[in-house]
Amino acid sequence: MANIQEAMKGEKKPYYMSAIWSYNHNRNLDQGTWLDAGSRQSTTEFIQCKYWLARLQLKTGDKKSAIISANEGLKLATAQN
């Protein structure tokens, strides 16, 4: 976590990978906001951000938001074929 906090001080913040690390290590699961910020940095990662956001939301018990995020990601992925 200290490495993530240090990296967040830099110009290009590792929002996407930090959120995935949080999910995989069951720490700081409230960092779905990192995925929102990460999705604004890169269009390519936007669909993956929605996917991981849905997983984080589901893991924290927010099923309603997880369904919304998953459906948004599905819609975007379908549009991009």
C-alpha atoms as a PDB file:
ATOM      1  CA  MET A   1       0.000   0.000   0.000  1.00  0.00           C
ATOM      2  CA  ALA A   2       2.905   2.336   0.677  1.00  0.00           C
ATOM      3  CA  ASN A   3       4.092   1.863  -2.923  1.00  0.00           C
ATOM      4  CA  ILE A   4       0.636   2.748  -4.213  1.00  0.00           C
ATOM      5  CA  GLN A   5       0.461   5.857  -2.078  1.00  0.00           C
ATOM      6  CA  GLU A   6       3.873   6.932  -3.332  1.00  0.00           C
ATOM      7  CA  ALA A   7       2.910   6.277  -6.970  1.00  0.00           C
ATOM      8  CA  MET A   8      -0.252   8.363  -6.527  1.00  0.00           C
ATOM      9  CA  LYS A   9       1.982  11.375  -5.890  1.00  0.00           C
ATOM     10  CA  GLY A  10       3.336  11.139  -9.439  1.00  0.00           C
ATOM     11  CA  GLU A  11       1.988  12.753 -12.574  1.00  0.00           C
ATOM     12  CA  LYS A  12       0.532   9.545 -14.111  1.00  0.00           C
ATOM     13  CA  LYS A  13      -1.403   7.918 -11.314  1.00  0.00           C
ATOM     14  CA  PRO A  14      -1.871   4.113 -11.430  1.00  0.00           C
ATOM     15  CA  TYR A  15      -5.599   4.214 -10.610  1.00  0.00           C
ATOM     16  CA  TYR A  16      -6.552   1.112 -12.573  1.00  0.00           C
ATOM     17  CA  MET A  17      -3.815  -1.201 -11.276  1.00  0.00           C
ATOM     18  CA  SER A  18      -4.199   0.133  -7.730  1.00  0.00           C
ATOM     19  CA  ALA A  19      -7.885  -0.715  -7.682  1.00  0.00           C
ATOM     20  CA  ILE A  20      -7.181  -4.232  -8.968  1.00  0.00           C
ATOM     21  CA  TRP A  21      -4.471  -4.666  -6.307  1.00  0.00           C
ATOM     22  CA  SER A  22      -6.981  -3.573  -3.653  1.00  0.00           C
ATOM     23  CA  TYR A  23      -9.513  -6.100  -4.928  1.00  0.00           C
ATOM     24  CA  ASN A  24      -7.022  -8.970  -5.060  1.00  0.00           C
ATOM     25  CA  HIS A  25      -5.652  -8.244  -1.577  1.00  0.00           C
ATOM     26  CA  ASN A  26      -8.969  -7.374   0.104  1.00  0.00           C
ATOM     27  CA  ARG A  27      -7.618  -4.002   1.200  1.00  0.00           C
ATOM     28  CA  ASN A  28      -9.040  -0.532   0.670  1.00  0.00           C
ATOM     29  CA  LEU A  29     -12.042  -1.918  -1.197  1.00  0.00           C
ATOM     30  CA  ASP A  30     -13.626   1.514  -1.150  1.00  0.00           C
ATOM     31  CA  GLN A  31     -11.204   2.588  -3.859  1.00  0.00           C
ATOM     32  CA  GLY A  32     -13.719   2.213  -6.661  1.00  0.00           C
ATOM     33  CA  THR A  33     -13.157   5.929  -7.113  1.00  0.00           C
ATOM     34  CA  TRP A  34      -9.728   5.021  -8.482  1.00  0.00           C
ATOM     35  CA  LEU A  35     -11.467   3.195 -11.296  1.00  0.00           C
ATOM     36  CA  ASP A  36     -13.620   6.198 -12.077  1.00  0.00           C
ATOM     37  CA  ALA A  37     -10.518   8.373 -12.242  1.00  0.00           C
ATOM     38  CA  GLY A  38      -8.653   5.743 -14.258  1.00  0.00           C
ATOM     39  CA  SER A  39     -11.422   5.513 -16.807  1.00  0.00           C
ATOM     40  CA  ARG A  40     -11.003   9.214 -17.503  1.00  0.00           C
ATOM     41  CA  GLN A  41      -7.294   8.728 -18.232  1.00  0.00           C
ATOM     42  CA  SER A  42      -7.654   6.112 -20.955  1.00  0.00           C
ATOM     43  CA  THR A  43     -10.492   5.166 -23.271  1.00  0.00           C
ATOM     44  CA  THR A  44      -8.923   1.747 -23.774  1.00  0.00           C
ATOM     45  CA  GLU A  45      -9.153   0.950 -20.067  1.00  0.00           C
ATOM     46  CA  PHE A  46     -12.671   2.335 -19.672  1.00  0.00           C
ATOM     47  CA  ILE A  47     -14.462  -0.979 -20.264  1.00  0.00           C
ATOM     48  CA  GLN A  48     -12.052  -2.814 -17.971  1.00  0.00           C
ATOM     49  CA  CYS A  49     -12.615  -0.124 -15.342  1.00  0.00           C
ATOM     50  CA  LYS A  50     -16.350  -0.805 -15.436  1.00  0.00           C
ATOM     51  CA  TYR A  51     -15.660  -4.537 -15.080  1.00  0.00           C
ATOM     52  CA  TRP A  52     -13.412  -4.104 -12.045  1.00  0.00           C
ATOM     53  CA  LEU A  53     -15.691  -1.486 -10.530  1.00  0.00           C
ATOM     54  CA  ALA A  54     -18.558  -3.986 -10.705  1.00  0.00           C
ATOM     55  CA  ARG A  55     -16.380  -6.624  -9.027  1.00  0.00           C
ATOM     56  CA  LEU A  56     -15.372  -4.226  -6.235  1.00  0.00           C
ATOM     57  CA  GLN A  57     -18.971  -3.170  -5.693  1.00  0.00           C
ATOM     58  CA  LEU A  58     -20.115  -6.780  -5.540  1.00  0.00           C
ATOM     59  CA  LYS A  59     -17.335  -7.693  -3.114  1.00  0.00           C
ATOM     60  CA  THR A  60     -18.388  -4.854  -0.794  1.00  0.00           C
ATOM     61  CA  GLY A  61     -22.031  -5.962  -0.938  1.00  0.00           C
ATOM     62  CA  ASP A  62     -23.335  -3.214  -3.231  1.00  0.00           C
ATOM     63  CA  LYS A  63     -25.110  -5.535  -5.664  1.00  0.00           C
ATOM     64  CA  LYS A  64     -27.329  -2.838  -7.161  1.00  0.00           C
ATOM     65  CA  SER A  65     -24.379  -0.669  -8.178  1.00  0.00           C
ATOM     66  CA  ALA A  66     -22.434  -3.724  -9.364  1.00  0.00           C
ATOM     67  CA  ILE A  67     -25.237  -4.619 -11.777  1.00  0.00           C
ATOM     68  CA  ILE A  68     -25.370  -1.056 -13.083  1.00  0.00           C
ATOM     69  CA  SER A  69     -21.595  -0.907 -13.607  1.00  0.00           C
ATOM     70  CA  ALA A  70     -21.520  -4.320 -15.277  1.00  0.00           C
ATOM     71  CA  ASN A  71     -24.336  -3.365 -17.633  1.00  0.00           C
ATOM     72  CA  GLU A  72     -22.600  -0.089 -18.528  1.00  0.00           C
ATOM     73  CA  GLY A  73     -19.419  -2.007 -19.341  1.00  0.00           C
ATOM     74  CA  LEU A  74     -21.330  -4.556 -21.399  1.00  0.00           C
ATOM     75  CA  LYS A  75     -23.043  -1.800 -23.352  1.00  0.00           C
ATOM     76  CA  LEU A  76     -19.712  -0.114 -24.089  1.00  0.00           C
ATOM     77  CA  ALA A  77     -18.033  -3.390 -25.076  1.00  0.00           C
ATOM     78  CA  THR A  78     -20.910  -4.286 -27.397  1.00  0.00           C
ATOM     79  CA  ALA A  79     -20.720  -0.848 -29.027  1.00  0.00           C
ATOM     80  CA  GLN A  80     -16.985  -1.338 -29.650  1.00  0.00           C
ATOM     81  CA  ASN A  81     -17.616  -4.862 -30.938  1.00  0.00           C
END
